[in-house]
N, C-alpha and C. Protein backbone atom coordinates (compact mmCIF):
# COMPACT_ATOMS: atom_id res chain seq x y z
N UNK A 1 -78.02 -97.59 66.63
CA UNK A 1 -76.94 -96.93 65.97
C UNK A 1 -76.03 -96.09 66.84
N UNK A 2 -74.80 -96.28 66.62
CA UNK A 2 -73.84 -95.49 67.37
C UNK A 2 -73.51 -94.19 66.70
N UNK A 3 -73.46 -93.17 67.42
CA UNK A 3 -73.05 -91.87 66.85
C UNK A 3 -71.64 -91.66 67.17
N UNK A 4 -70.91 -91.21 66.13
CA UNK A 4 -69.43 -90.81 66.38
C UNK A 4 -69.47 -89.29 66.74
N UNK A 5 -68.61 -89.04 67.73
CA UNK A 5 -68.52 -87.76 68.15
C UNK A 5 -67.21 -87.08 67.47
N UNK A 6 -67.46 -86.03 66.83
CA UNK A 6 -66.31 -85.24 66.19
C UNK A 6 -66.05 -84.09 66.96
N UNK A 7 -64.82 -83.82 67.20
CA UNK A 7 -64.41 -82.56 67.89
C UNK A 7 -64.00 -81.59 66.86
N UNK A 8 -64.72 -80.56 66.66
CA UNK A 8 -64.38 -79.53 65.64
C UNK A 8 -63.35 -78.61 66.29
N UNK A 9 -62.52 -77.97 65.50
CA UNK A 9 -61.49 -77.03 65.95
C UNK A 9 -62.26 -75.82 66.47
N UNK A 10 -61.92 -75.50 67.67
CA UNK A 10 -62.67 -74.46 68.34
C UNK A 10 -62.04 -73.02 68.28
N UNK A 11 -60.98 -72.86 67.55
CA UNK A 11 -60.30 -71.53 67.43
C UNK A 11 -58.83 -71.67 67.54
N UNK A 12 -58.17 -70.51 67.79
CA UNK A 12 -56.75 -70.47 67.92
C UNK A 12 -56.30 -70.89 69.33
N UNK A 13 -55.16 -71.48 69.32
CA UNK A 13 -54.62 -71.76 70.73
C UNK A 13 -53.84 -70.51 71.16
N UNK A 14 -53.50 -70.47 72.46
CA UNK A 14 -52.82 -69.34 72.99
C UNK A 14 -51.40 -69.26 72.39
N UNK A 15 -50.79 -70.34 72.07
CA UNK A 15 -49.39 -70.38 71.49
C UNK A 15 -49.44 -69.79 70.09
N UNK A 16 -50.44 -70.10 69.33
CA UNK A 16 -50.50 -69.49 67.91
C UNK A 16 -50.69 -67.94 68.03
N UNK A 17 -51.57 -67.44 69.00
CA UNK A 17 -51.70 -65.98 69.18
C UNK A 17 -50.38 -65.36 69.58
N UNK A 18 -49.65 -65.95 70.51
CA UNK A 18 -48.42 -65.37 70.95
C UNK A 18 -47.44 -65.32 69.81
N UNK A 19 -47.28 -66.33 68.99
CA UNK A 19 -46.46 -66.25 67.79
C UNK A 19 -46.76 -65.12 66.85
N UNK A 20 -48.06 -64.94 66.64
CA UNK A 20 -48.55 -63.88 65.75
C UNK A 20 -48.20 -62.57 66.27
N UNK A 21 -48.33 -62.35 67.62
CA UNK A 21 -48.00 -61.01 68.27
C UNK A 21 -46.58 -60.80 68.14
N UNK A 22 -45.70 -61.82 68.34
CA UNK A 22 -44.27 -61.63 68.18
C UNK A 22 -43.89 -61.27 66.72
N UNK A 23 -44.40 -61.91 65.81
CA UNK A 23 -44.13 -61.55 64.38
C UNK A 23 -44.53 -60.13 64.02
N UNK A 24 -45.72 -59.80 64.48
CA UNK A 24 -46.20 -58.43 64.23
C UNK A 24 -45.36 -57.36 64.88
N UNK A 25 -44.87 -57.55 66.18
CA UNK A 25 -44.03 -56.71 66.84
C UNK A 25 -42.73 -56.56 66.15
N UNK A 26 -42.12 -57.55 65.62
CA UNK A 26 -40.89 -57.44 64.83
C UNK A 26 -41.10 -56.59 63.67
N UNK A 27 -42.15 -56.78 62.90
CA UNK A 27 -42.47 -56.00 61.73
C UNK A 27 -42.66 -54.53 62.02
N UNK A 28 -43.34 -54.19 63.19
CA UNK A 28 -43.51 -52.84 63.54
C UNK A 28 -42.24 -52.16 63.94
N UNK A 29 -41.32 -52.94 64.70
CA UNK A 29 -40.04 -52.36 64.94
C UNK A 29 -39.21 -52.04 63.75
N UNK A 30 -39.31 -52.87 62.76
CA UNK A 30 -38.67 -52.60 61.51
C UNK A 30 -39.13 -51.39 60.79
N UNK A 31 -40.48 -51.06 60.87
CA UNK A 31 -41.03 -49.89 60.30
C UNK A 31 -40.58 -48.69 61.03
N UNK A 32 -40.41 -48.78 62.36
CA UNK A 32 -39.90 -47.55 63.15
C UNK A 32 -38.49 -47.29 62.75
N UNK A 33 -37.68 -48.26 62.61
CA UNK A 33 -36.30 -48.10 62.17
C UNK A 33 -36.23 -47.45 60.75
N UNK A 34 -37.16 -47.83 59.86
CA UNK A 34 -37.17 -47.32 58.51
C UNK A 34 -37.61 -45.87 58.57
N UNK A 35 -38.53 -45.49 59.40
CA UNK A 35 -38.91 -44.13 59.52
C UNK A 35 -37.92 -43.26 60.06
N UNK A 36 -37.06 -43.71 61.00
CA UNK A 36 -36.05 -42.94 61.56
C UNK A 36 -34.94 -42.68 60.49
N UNK A 37 -34.63 -43.75 59.66
CA UNK A 37 -33.66 -43.57 58.67
C UNK A 37 -34.18 -42.58 57.62
N UNK A 38 -35.43 -42.60 57.30
CA UNK A 38 -36.01 -41.71 56.25
C UNK A 38 -35.95 -40.29 56.75
N UNK A 39 -36.21 -39.99 58.05
CA UNK A 39 -36.12 -38.62 58.60
C UNK A 39 -34.67 -38.09 58.49
N UNK A 40 -33.73 -38.96 58.81
CA UNK A 40 -32.33 -38.67 58.80
C UNK A 40 -31.95 -38.21 57.38
N UNK A 41 -32.22 -39.07 56.44
CA UNK A 41 -31.84 -38.83 55.07
C UNK A 41 -32.59 -37.56 54.53
N UNK A 42 -33.76 -37.34 54.84
CA UNK A 42 -34.53 -36.18 54.46
C UNK A 42 -34.00 -34.86 54.99
N UNK A 43 -33.54 -34.92 56.17
CA UNK A 43 -32.91 -33.76 56.85
C UNK A 43 -31.65 -33.33 56.13
N UNK A 44 -30.81 -34.35 55.87
CA UNK A 44 -29.53 -34.17 55.14
C UNK A 44 -29.74 -33.59 53.78
N UNK A 45 -30.74 -34.05 53.13
CA UNK A 45 -31.12 -33.63 51.77
C UNK A 45 -31.56 -32.22 51.77
N UNK A 46 -32.41 -31.83 52.76
CA UNK A 46 -32.93 -30.43 52.82
C UNK A 46 -31.81 -29.49 53.10
N UNK A 47 -30.90 -29.85 53.99
CA UNK A 47 -29.72 -28.95 54.29
C UNK A 47 -28.89 -28.73 52.96
N UNK A 48 -28.66 -29.82 52.30
CA UNK A 48 -27.87 -29.75 50.98
C UNK A 48 -28.62 -28.86 50.01
N UNK A 49 -29.94 -28.98 49.89
CA UNK A 49 -30.66 -28.24 48.92
C UNK A 49 -30.61 -26.78 49.30
N UNK A 50 -30.71 -26.40 50.54
CA UNK A 50 -30.64 -24.95 50.97
C UNK A 50 -29.33 -24.42 50.66
N UNK A 51 -28.18 -25.20 50.90
CA UNK A 51 -26.80 -24.66 50.70
C UNK A 51 -26.55 -24.49 49.15
N UNK A 52 -27.09 -25.42 48.34
CA UNK A 52 -26.92 -25.28 46.94
C UNK A 52 -27.64 -24.00 46.43
N UNK A 53 -28.87 -23.78 46.91
CA UNK A 53 -29.61 -22.62 46.47
C UNK A 53 -28.86 -21.33 46.88
N UNK A 54 -28.31 -21.21 48.02
CA UNK A 54 -27.57 -20.08 48.42
C UNK A 54 -26.26 -19.95 47.65
N UNK A 55 -25.54 -21.00 47.35
CA UNK A 55 -24.33 -20.90 46.64
C UNK A 55 -24.66 -20.48 45.14
N UNK A 56 -25.74 -20.98 44.61
CA UNK A 56 -26.11 -20.48 43.18
C UNK A 56 -26.52 -19.03 43.24
N UNK A 57 -27.18 -18.62 44.24
CA UNK A 57 -27.61 -17.16 44.32
C UNK A 57 -26.29 -16.26 44.33
N UNK A 58 -25.40 -16.66 45.18
CA UNK A 58 -24.10 -15.88 45.19
C UNK A 58 -23.37 -15.92 43.82
N UNK A 59 -23.33 -17.07 43.20
CA UNK A 59 -22.68 -17.09 41.86
C UNK A 59 -23.41 -16.29 40.84
N UNK A 60 -24.72 -16.25 40.89
CA UNK A 60 -25.48 -15.40 39.95
C UNK A 60 -25.21 -13.92 40.12
N UNK A 61 -25.05 -13.56 41.36
CA UNK A 61 -24.73 -12.11 41.66
C UNK A 61 -23.29 -11.78 41.28
N UNK A 62 -22.39 -12.70 41.35
CA UNK A 62 -20.96 -12.53 40.99
C UNK A 62 -20.96 -12.28 39.43
N UNK A 63 -21.67 -13.15 38.73
CA UNK A 63 -21.73 -13.04 37.28
C UNK A 63 -22.38 -11.78 36.77
N UNK A 64 -23.36 -11.29 37.40
CA UNK A 64 -24.13 -10.02 37.08
C UNK A 64 -23.37 -8.80 37.47
N UNK A 65 -22.46 -8.77 38.43
CA UNK A 65 -21.72 -7.71 38.86
C UNK A 65 -20.25 -8.01 38.89
N UNK A 66 -19.57 -8.13 37.74
CA UNK A 66 -18.19 -8.49 37.67
C UNK A 66 -17.28 -7.44 38.38
N UNK A 67 -17.59 -6.17 38.28
CA UNK A 67 -16.87 -5.11 38.92
C UNK A 67 -16.79 -5.39 40.40
N UNK A 68 -17.95 -5.57 40.99
CA UNK A 68 -17.97 -5.81 42.44
C UNK A 68 -17.19 -7.12 42.86
N UNK A 69 -17.26 -8.15 41.91
CA UNK A 69 -16.55 -9.38 42.18
C UNK A 69 -15.03 -9.10 42.11
N UNK A 70 -14.59 -8.34 41.07
CA UNK A 70 -13.23 -8.06 40.91
C UNK A 70 -12.62 -7.22 42.06
N UNK A 71 -13.49 -6.37 42.61
CA UNK A 71 -13.06 -5.49 43.71
C UNK A 71 -13.05 -6.34 45.10
N UNK A 72 -13.65 -7.49 45.01
CA UNK A 72 -13.55 -8.40 46.21
C UNK A 72 -14.78 -8.20 47.15
N UNK A 73 -15.83 -7.55 46.67
CA UNK A 73 -16.98 -7.29 47.58
C UNK A 73 -17.84 -8.47 47.83
N UNK A 74 -17.71 -9.56 47.05
CA UNK A 74 -18.49 -10.78 47.32
C UNK A 74 -17.53 -11.77 48.14
N UNK A 75 -16.44 -11.32 48.56
CA UNK A 75 -15.50 -12.24 49.30
C UNK A 75 -15.90 -12.41 50.73
N UNK A 76 -15.90 -13.60 51.21
CA UNK A 76 -16.19 -13.96 52.63
C UNK A 76 -15.16 -14.88 53.04
N UNK A 77 -14.49 -14.79 54.23
CA UNK A 77 -13.62 -15.81 54.75
C UNK A 77 -14.44 -16.90 55.53
N UNK A 78 -13.75 -18.00 55.81
CA UNK A 78 -14.43 -19.08 56.51
C UNK A 78 -15.00 -18.66 57.84
N UNK A 79 -14.38 -17.61 58.50
CA UNK A 79 -14.81 -17.12 59.82
C UNK A 79 -16.02 -16.21 59.65
N UNK A 80 -16.39 -15.86 58.43
CA UNK A 80 -17.60 -15.09 58.28
C UNK A 80 -17.30 -13.55 58.08
N UNK A 81 -15.93 -13.23 57.98
CA UNK A 81 -15.53 -11.81 57.80
C UNK A 81 -15.66 -11.41 56.36
N UNK A 82 -16.19 -10.23 56.09
CA UNK A 82 -16.40 -9.79 54.73
C UNK A 82 -15.20 -8.84 54.33
N UNK A 83 -14.91 -8.75 53.05
CA UNK A 83 -13.94 -7.83 52.61
C UNK A 83 -14.64 -6.81 51.75
N UNK A 84 -14.24 -5.56 51.72
CA UNK A 84 -14.77 -4.51 50.85
C UNK A 84 -15.34 -3.37 51.62
N UNK A 85 -16.05 -2.48 50.91
CA UNK A 85 -16.57 -1.23 51.31
C UNK A 85 -18.07 -1.39 51.65
N UNK A 86 -18.49 -0.98 52.81
CA UNK A 86 -19.88 -1.25 53.22
C UNK A 86 -20.87 -0.32 52.46
N UNK A 87 -20.33 0.56 51.64
CA UNK A 87 -21.16 1.49 50.87
C UNK A 87 -21.50 0.80 49.46
N UNK A 88 -20.84 -0.29 49.11
CA UNK A 88 -21.07 -0.86 47.91
C UNK A 88 -22.17 -1.79 47.87
N UNK A 89 -22.93 -1.90 46.77
CA UNK A 89 -24.04 -2.82 46.60
C UNK A 89 -23.66 -4.18 46.83
N UNK A 90 -22.65 -4.69 46.22
CA UNK A 90 -22.20 -6.06 46.34
C UNK A 90 -21.81 -6.45 47.83
N UNK A 91 -21.25 -5.49 48.54
CA UNK A 91 -20.91 -5.78 49.96
C UNK A 91 -22.25 -5.89 50.80
N UNK A 92 -23.17 -4.95 50.50
CA UNK A 92 -24.37 -5.02 51.21
C UNK A 92 -25.23 -6.34 50.86
N UNK A 93 -25.24 -6.72 49.63
CA UNK A 93 -25.84 -7.96 49.20
C UNK A 93 -25.24 -9.12 49.97
N UNK A 94 -23.92 -9.20 49.93
CA UNK A 94 -23.20 -10.31 50.64
C UNK A 94 -23.51 -10.29 52.10
N UNK A 95 -23.60 -9.21 52.77
CA UNK A 95 -23.90 -9.20 54.19
C UNK A 95 -25.36 -9.74 54.43
N UNK A 96 -26.31 -9.35 53.59
CA UNK A 96 -27.65 -9.79 53.71
C UNK A 96 -27.67 -11.26 53.39
N UNK A 97 -27.01 -11.68 52.39
CA UNK A 97 -26.91 -13.15 52.04
C UNK A 97 -26.35 -13.95 53.19
N UNK A 98 -25.35 -13.52 53.85
CA UNK A 98 -24.78 -14.16 54.96
C UNK A 98 -25.75 -14.32 56.09
N UNK A 99 -26.41 -13.17 56.36
CA UNK A 99 -27.46 -13.23 57.42
C UNK A 99 -28.51 -14.26 57.20
N UNK A 100 -29.02 -14.30 55.92
CA UNK A 100 -30.12 -15.24 55.59
C UNK A 100 -29.58 -16.67 55.69
N UNK A 101 -28.37 -16.93 55.19
CA UNK A 101 -27.86 -18.22 55.19
C UNK A 101 -27.67 -18.72 56.69
N UNK A 102 -27.23 -17.86 57.56
CA UNK A 102 -27.06 -18.33 58.93
C UNK A 102 -28.36 -18.57 59.56
N UNK A 103 -29.43 -17.92 59.08
CA UNK A 103 -30.79 -18.24 59.60
C UNK A 103 -31.23 -19.58 59.09
N UNK A 104 -30.92 -19.87 57.87
CA UNK A 104 -31.37 -21.18 57.28
C UNK A 104 -30.54 -22.35 57.62
N UNK A 105 -29.23 -22.12 57.74
CA UNK A 105 -28.23 -23.16 58.15
C UNK A 105 -27.34 -22.63 59.24
N UNK A 106 -27.78 -22.70 60.49
CA UNK A 106 -27.05 -22.05 61.66
C UNK A 106 -25.59 -22.43 61.75
N UNK A 107 -25.23 -23.64 61.42
CA UNK A 107 -23.81 -24.04 61.61
C UNK A 107 -22.97 -23.81 60.41
N UNK A 108 -23.53 -23.08 59.37
CA UNK A 108 -22.76 -22.93 58.12
C UNK A 108 -21.57 -22.01 58.29
N UNK A 109 -20.44 -22.51 57.51
CA UNK A 109 -19.27 -21.69 57.39
C UNK A 109 -19.05 -21.46 55.90
N UNK A 110 -18.66 -20.23 55.53
CA UNK A 110 -18.70 -19.89 54.09
C UNK A 110 -17.31 -19.41 53.71
N UNK A 111 -16.90 -19.69 52.49
CA UNK A 111 -15.78 -19.11 51.88
C UNK A 111 -16.22 -18.82 50.51
N UNK A 112 -16.12 -17.52 50.16
CA UNK A 112 -16.44 -17.01 48.92
C UNK A 112 -15.31 -16.04 48.41
N UNK A 113 -14.59 -16.30 47.27
CA UNK A 113 -13.54 -15.48 46.87
C UNK A 113 -13.15 -15.66 45.40
N UNK A 114 -12.32 -14.81 44.92
CA UNK A 114 -11.71 -15.00 43.63
C UNK A 114 -10.60 -16.02 43.74
N UNK A 115 -10.45 -16.74 42.65
CA UNK A 115 -9.34 -17.73 42.58
C UNK A 115 -8.75 -17.96 41.21
N UNK A 116 -7.55 -18.39 41.21
CA UNK A 116 -6.90 -18.72 39.95
C UNK A 116 -7.08 -20.16 39.59
N UNK A 117 -7.03 -21.07 40.57
CA UNK A 117 -7.02 -22.50 40.38
C UNK A 117 -8.13 -23.22 41.03
N UNK A 118 -9.07 -22.57 41.71
CA UNK A 118 -10.17 -23.27 42.40
C UNK A 118 -9.77 -23.97 43.61
N UNK A 119 -8.52 -23.78 44.11
CA UNK A 119 -8.14 -24.45 45.38
C UNK A 119 -7.95 -23.45 46.54
N UNK A 120 -7.38 -22.26 46.24
CA UNK A 120 -7.23 -21.28 47.34
C UNK A 120 -7.56 -19.88 46.82
N UNK A 121 -7.90 -19.07 47.73
CA UNK A 121 -8.27 -17.64 47.40
C UNK A 121 -6.99 -16.98 46.92
N UNK A 122 -7.22 -16.06 45.93
CA UNK A 122 -6.19 -15.28 45.41
C UNK A 122 -6.77 -13.84 45.40
N UNK A 123 -6.35 -13.08 46.45
CA UNK A 123 -6.84 -11.68 46.67
C UNK A 123 -6.55 -10.78 45.43
N UNK A 124 -7.59 -10.31 44.83
CA UNK A 124 -7.40 -9.41 43.67
C UNK A 124 -7.03 -10.06 42.39
N UNK A 125 -6.91 -11.37 42.39
CA UNK A 125 -6.50 -12.09 41.18
C UNK A 125 -7.47 -13.21 40.86
N UNK A 126 -7.34 -13.78 39.61
CA UNK A 126 -8.15 -14.84 39.23
C UNK A 126 -9.29 -14.63 38.42
N UNK A 127 -9.55 -15.48 37.47
CA UNK A 127 -10.77 -15.33 36.64
C UNK A 127 -11.88 -16.22 37.07
N UNK A 128 -11.77 -16.81 38.17
CA UNK A 128 -12.81 -17.69 38.72
C UNK A 128 -13.29 -17.16 40.04
N UNK A 129 -14.46 -17.51 40.42
CA UNK A 129 -15.02 -17.22 41.75
C UNK A 129 -15.43 -18.52 42.38
N UNK A 130 -15.12 -18.81 43.58
CA UNK A 130 -15.53 -20.02 44.32
C UNK A 130 -16.37 -19.70 45.50
N UNK A 131 -17.36 -20.59 45.69
CA UNK A 131 -18.19 -20.45 46.87
C UNK A 131 -18.30 -21.81 47.48
N UNK A 132 -17.88 -21.90 48.71
CA UNK A 132 -17.88 -23.13 49.49
C UNK A 132 -18.69 -22.88 50.77
N UNK A 133 -19.65 -23.74 50.97
CA UNK A 133 -20.49 -23.69 52.18
C UNK A 133 -20.36 -25.08 52.90
N UNK A 134 -19.90 -24.94 54.12
CA UNK A 134 -19.73 -26.19 54.92
C UNK A 134 -20.57 -26.01 56.17
N UNK A 135 -21.13 -27.23 56.59
CA UNK A 135 -21.88 -27.18 57.87
C UNK A 135 -21.77 -28.57 58.51
N UNK A 136 -21.95 -28.55 59.82
CA UNK A 136 -21.93 -29.84 60.55
C UNK A 136 -23.27 -30.36 60.75
N UNK A 137 -23.44 -31.64 60.40
CA UNK A 137 -24.78 -32.24 60.51
C UNK A 137 -24.62 -33.27 61.73
N UNK A 138 -25.43 -33.21 62.68
CA UNK A 138 -25.31 -34.25 63.73
C UNK A 138 -25.29 -33.69 65.12
N UNK A 139 -26.15 -32.69 65.38
CA UNK A 139 -26.15 -32.22 66.84
C UNK A 139 -27.09 -32.97 67.71
N UNK A 140 -27.68 -34.08 67.22
CA UNK A 140 -28.47 -34.89 68.03
C UNK A 140 -28.33 -36.25 67.75
N UNK A 141 -28.90 -37.16 68.53
CA UNK A 141 -28.73 -38.59 68.30
C UNK A 141 -29.36 -39.11 67.10
N UNK A 142 -30.35 -38.31 66.57
CA UNK A 142 -31.08 -38.74 65.42
C UNK A 142 -30.34 -38.69 64.11
N UNK A 143 -29.44 -37.66 64.07
CA UNK A 143 -28.73 -37.45 62.85
C UNK A 143 -27.28 -38.02 62.84
N UNK A 144 -26.71 -38.44 61.76
CA UNK A 144 -25.28 -38.76 61.68
C UNK A 144 -24.45 -37.59 61.79
N UNK A 145 -23.35 -37.77 62.60
CA UNK A 145 -22.37 -36.68 62.67
C UNK A 145 -21.50 -36.67 61.48
N UNK A 146 -21.12 -35.40 61.09
CA UNK A 146 -20.18 -35.35 59.99
C UNK A 146 -20.44 -33.97 59.29
N UNK A 147 -19.37 -33.58 58.53
CA UNK A 147 -19.29 -32.35 57.88
C UNK A 147 -19.79 -32.42 56.41
N UNK A 148 -20.76 -31.66 56.05
CA UNK A 148 -21.31 -31.65 54.71
C UNK A 148 -20.69 -30.39 53.92
N UNK A 149 -20.71 -30.48 52.68
CA UNK A 149 -20.09 -29.40 51.91
C UNK A 149 -20.70 -29.18 50.52
N UNK A 150 -20.90 -27.90 50.09
CA UNK A 150 -21.28 -27.55 48.77
C UNK A 150 -20.24 -26.72 48.22
N UNK A 151 -19.71 -27.03 47.06
CA UNK A 151 -18.65 -26.15 46.36
C UNK A 151 -19.06 -25.88 45.02
N UNK A 152 -18.97 -24.59 44.64
CA UNK A 152 -19.24 -24.11 43.31
C UNK A 152 -18.05 -23.32 42.80
N UNK A 153 -17.65 -23.52 41.59
CA UNK A 153 -16.58 -22.74 40.97
C UNK A 153 -17.20 -22.22 39.59
N UNK A 154 -17.07 -20.92 39.43
CA UNK A 154 -17.62 -20.38 38.14
C UNK A 154 -16.66 -19.26 37.62
N UNK A 155 -16.71 -19.26 36.34
CA UNK A 155 -15.87 -18.26 35.66
C UNK A 155 -16.60 -16.86 35.74
N UNK A 156 -15.75 -15.80 36.02
CA UNK A 156 -16.31 -14.45 36.14
C UNK A 156 -16.41 -13.79 34.81
């Protein structure tokens, strides 16, 4: 009797292993890109959340102390200059608020003032108070460059 010899598959070829490594590498590069994008978006959201919290805190103080708001003690120019008397509670609160905001958002620029129409400050006039916090996002290659802004307008 003659015996037939069968050659069984002995494993993977070198070409198959190379293709598997290339496909795996492409997948891992995609995951790295996804992670970078997630970090960028998370950082932007965190900055926005901090700015909204600070703007709401300022508006809450304006509403609880209408005399101080009408006197202009909660007013801050975009350059960071305050208006008012440094013996007043509202002025001291605003100075402390600015210091803490600069610690949390170093690039922040603030505009806080009374307004009639919500577009421009009206010194000593207006039934509304606006708080605008702007900051630049993008001081490294990881983040997108651009100016972010939070704007609140509330009735006094």
